[in-house]
Amino acid sequence: MEIEECLFTKEHEWVFVEDKVATIGISEYAAGELGDIVFIELPEPGRKVKQMDPVGTIEAVKTVAE
């Protein structure tokens, strides 16, 4: 996966889709703003989601974000 192949949101998340499997993440900027990440809640495998629906949470020392 190359960064050029990822699609980014305005909220600093990204998605990479290959063979009907989506890999998601956050940008380096977002990770830097959050600080130390202490917990990530992920969706169940196979869960179908709609655009802009929350799929999990990221808990950092500074805050919790959907």
C-alpha atoms as a PDB file:
ATOM      1  CA  MET A   1       0.000   0.000   0.000  1.00  0.00           C
ATOM      2  CA  GLU A   2       1.319   3.404  -0.963  1.00  0.00           C
ATOM      3  CA  ILE A   3       0.064   6.660   0.576  1.00  0.00           C
ATOM      4  CA  GLU A   4      -0.914   7.831  -2.917  1.00  0.00           C
ATOM      5  CA  GLU A   5      -3.424   4.951  -3.101  1.00  0.00           C
ATOM      6  CA  CYS A   6      -5.265   6.028   0.070  1.00  0.00           C
ATOM      7  CA  LEU A   7      -8.347   8.215   0.178  1.00  0.00           C
ATOM      8  CA  PHE A   8      -8.339  10.881   2.908  1.00  0.00           C
ATOM      9  CA  THR A   9     -11.199  12.628   4.738  1.00  0.00           C
ATOM     10  CA  LYS A  10     -11.227  16.224   5.960  1.00  0.00           C
ATOM     11  CA  GLU A  11     -11.044  14.761   9.479  1.00  0.00           C
ATOM     12  CA  HIS A  12      -7.579  13.249   8.837  1.00  0.00           C
ATOM     13  CA  GLU A  13      -8.690   9.637   8.429  1.00  0.00           C
ATOM     14  CA  TRP A  14      -7.741   7.480   5.462  1.00  0.00           C
ATOM     15  CA  VAL A  15      -9.011   4.335   3.780  1.00  0.00           C
ATOM     16  CA  PHE A  16      -7.328   1.901   1.406  1.00  0.00           C
ATOM     17  CA  VAL A  17      -9.577  -0.574  -0.410  1.00  0.00           C
ATOM     18  CA  GLU A  18      -8.266  -3.724  -2.044  1.00  0.00           C
ATOM     19  CA  ASP A  19     -10.308  -6.777  -3.052  1.00  0.00           C
ATOM     20  CA  LYS A  20     -13.396  -5.538  -1.134  1.00  0.00           C
ATOM     21  CA  VAL A  21     -11.358  -5.164   2.073  1.00  0.00           C
ATOM     22  CA  ALA A  22     -10.957  -1.689   3.568  1.00  0.00           C
ATOM     23  CA  THR A  23      -7.968  -0.784   5.725  1.00  0.00           C
ATOM     24  CA  ILE A  24      -8.457   2.395   7.754  1.00  0.00           C
ATOM     25  CA  GLY A  25      -6.161   4.683   9.690  1.00  0.00           C
ATOM     26  CA  ILE A  26      -5.425   8.247  10.711  1.00  0.00           C
ATOM     27  CA  SER A  27      -2.966  10.716   9.261  1.00  0.00           C
ATOM     28  CA  GLU A  28       0.383  11.467  10.833  1.00  0.00           C
ATOM     29  CA  TYR A  29      -0.960  14.930  11.676  1.00  0.00           C
ATOM     30  CA  ALA A  30      -3.940  13.453  13.584  1.00  0.00           C
ATOM     31  CA  ALA A  31      -1.703  10.992  15.424  1.00  0.00           C
ATOM     32  CA  GLY A  32       0.585  13.852  16.438  1.00  0.00           C
ATOM     33  CA  GLU A  33      -2.334  15.944  17.678  1.00  0.00           C
ATOM     34  CA  LEU A  34      -3.750  13.057  19.722  1.00  0.00           C
ATOM     35  CA  GLY A  35      -0.462  12.261  21.426  1.00  0.00           C
ATOM     36  CA  ASP A  36       0.090   8.826  22.938  1.00  0.00           C
ATOM     37  CA  ILE A  37      -2.689   6.460  21.857  1.00  0.00           C
ATOM     38  CA  VAL A  38      -3.650   4.097  24.680  1.00  0.00           C
ATOM     39  CA  PHE A  39      -6.686   2.220  23.281  1.00  0.00           C
ATOM     40  CA  ILE A  40      -8.433   1.645  19.943  1.00  0.00           C
ATOM     41  CA  GLU A  41     -11.926   0.182  19.587  1.00  0.00           C
ATOM     42  CA  LEU A  42     -12.369  -1.371  16.136  1.00  0.00           C
ATOM     43  CA  PRO A  43     -15.528  -2.451  14.312  1.00  0.00           C
ATOM     44  CA  GLU A  44     -16.383  -6.120  14.011  1.00  0.00           C
ATOM     45  CA  PRO A  45     -14.944  -7.741  10.872  1.00  0.00           C
ATOM     46  CA  GLY A  46     -17.445  -7.677   8.025  1.00  0.00           C
ATOM     47  CA  ARG A  47     -19.439  -4.761   9.431  1.00  0.00           C
ATOM     48  CA  LYS A  48     -20.939  -2.602   6.702  1.00  0.00           C
ATOM     49  CA  VAL A  49     -20.701   1.141   7.260  1.00  0.00           C
ATOM     50  CA  LYS A  50     -21.951   4.271   5.542  1.00  0.00           C
ATOM     51  CA  GLN A  51     -19.951   7.368   4.757  1.00  0.00           C
ATOM     52  CA  MET A  52     -19.337   9.513   7.872  1.00  0.00           C
ATOM     53  CA  ASP A  53     -20.695   6.847  10.287  1.00  0.00           C
ATOM     54  CA  PRO A  54     -18.422   6.291  13.300  1.00  0.00           C
ATOM     55  CA  VAL A  55     -16.734   2.891  13.159  1.00  0.00           C
ATOM     56  CA  GLY A  56     -14.777   2.926  16.408  1.00  0.00           C
ATOM     57  CA  THR A  57     -12.943   5.112  18.872  1.00  0.00           C
ATOM     58  CA  ILE A  58      -9.363   6.141  19.516  1.00  0.00           C
ATOM     59  CA  GLU A  59      -8.469   6.877  23.114  1.00  0.00           C
ATOM     60  CA  ALA A  60      -5.381   8.980  23.685  1.00  0.00           C
ATOM     61  CA  VAL A  61      -3.829  10.564  26.744  1.00  0.00           C
ATOM     62  CA  LYS A  62      -5.308  13.913  25.655  1.00  0.00           C
ATOM     63  CA  THR A  63      -8.792  12.909  24.421  1.00  0.00           C
ATOM     64  CA  VAL A  64     -11.163  10.295  23.003  1.00  0.00           C
ATOM     65  CA  ALA A  65     -12.263  10.548  19.355  1.00  0.00           C
ATOM     66  CA  GLU A  66     -14.717   8.611  17.187  1.00  0.00           C
END
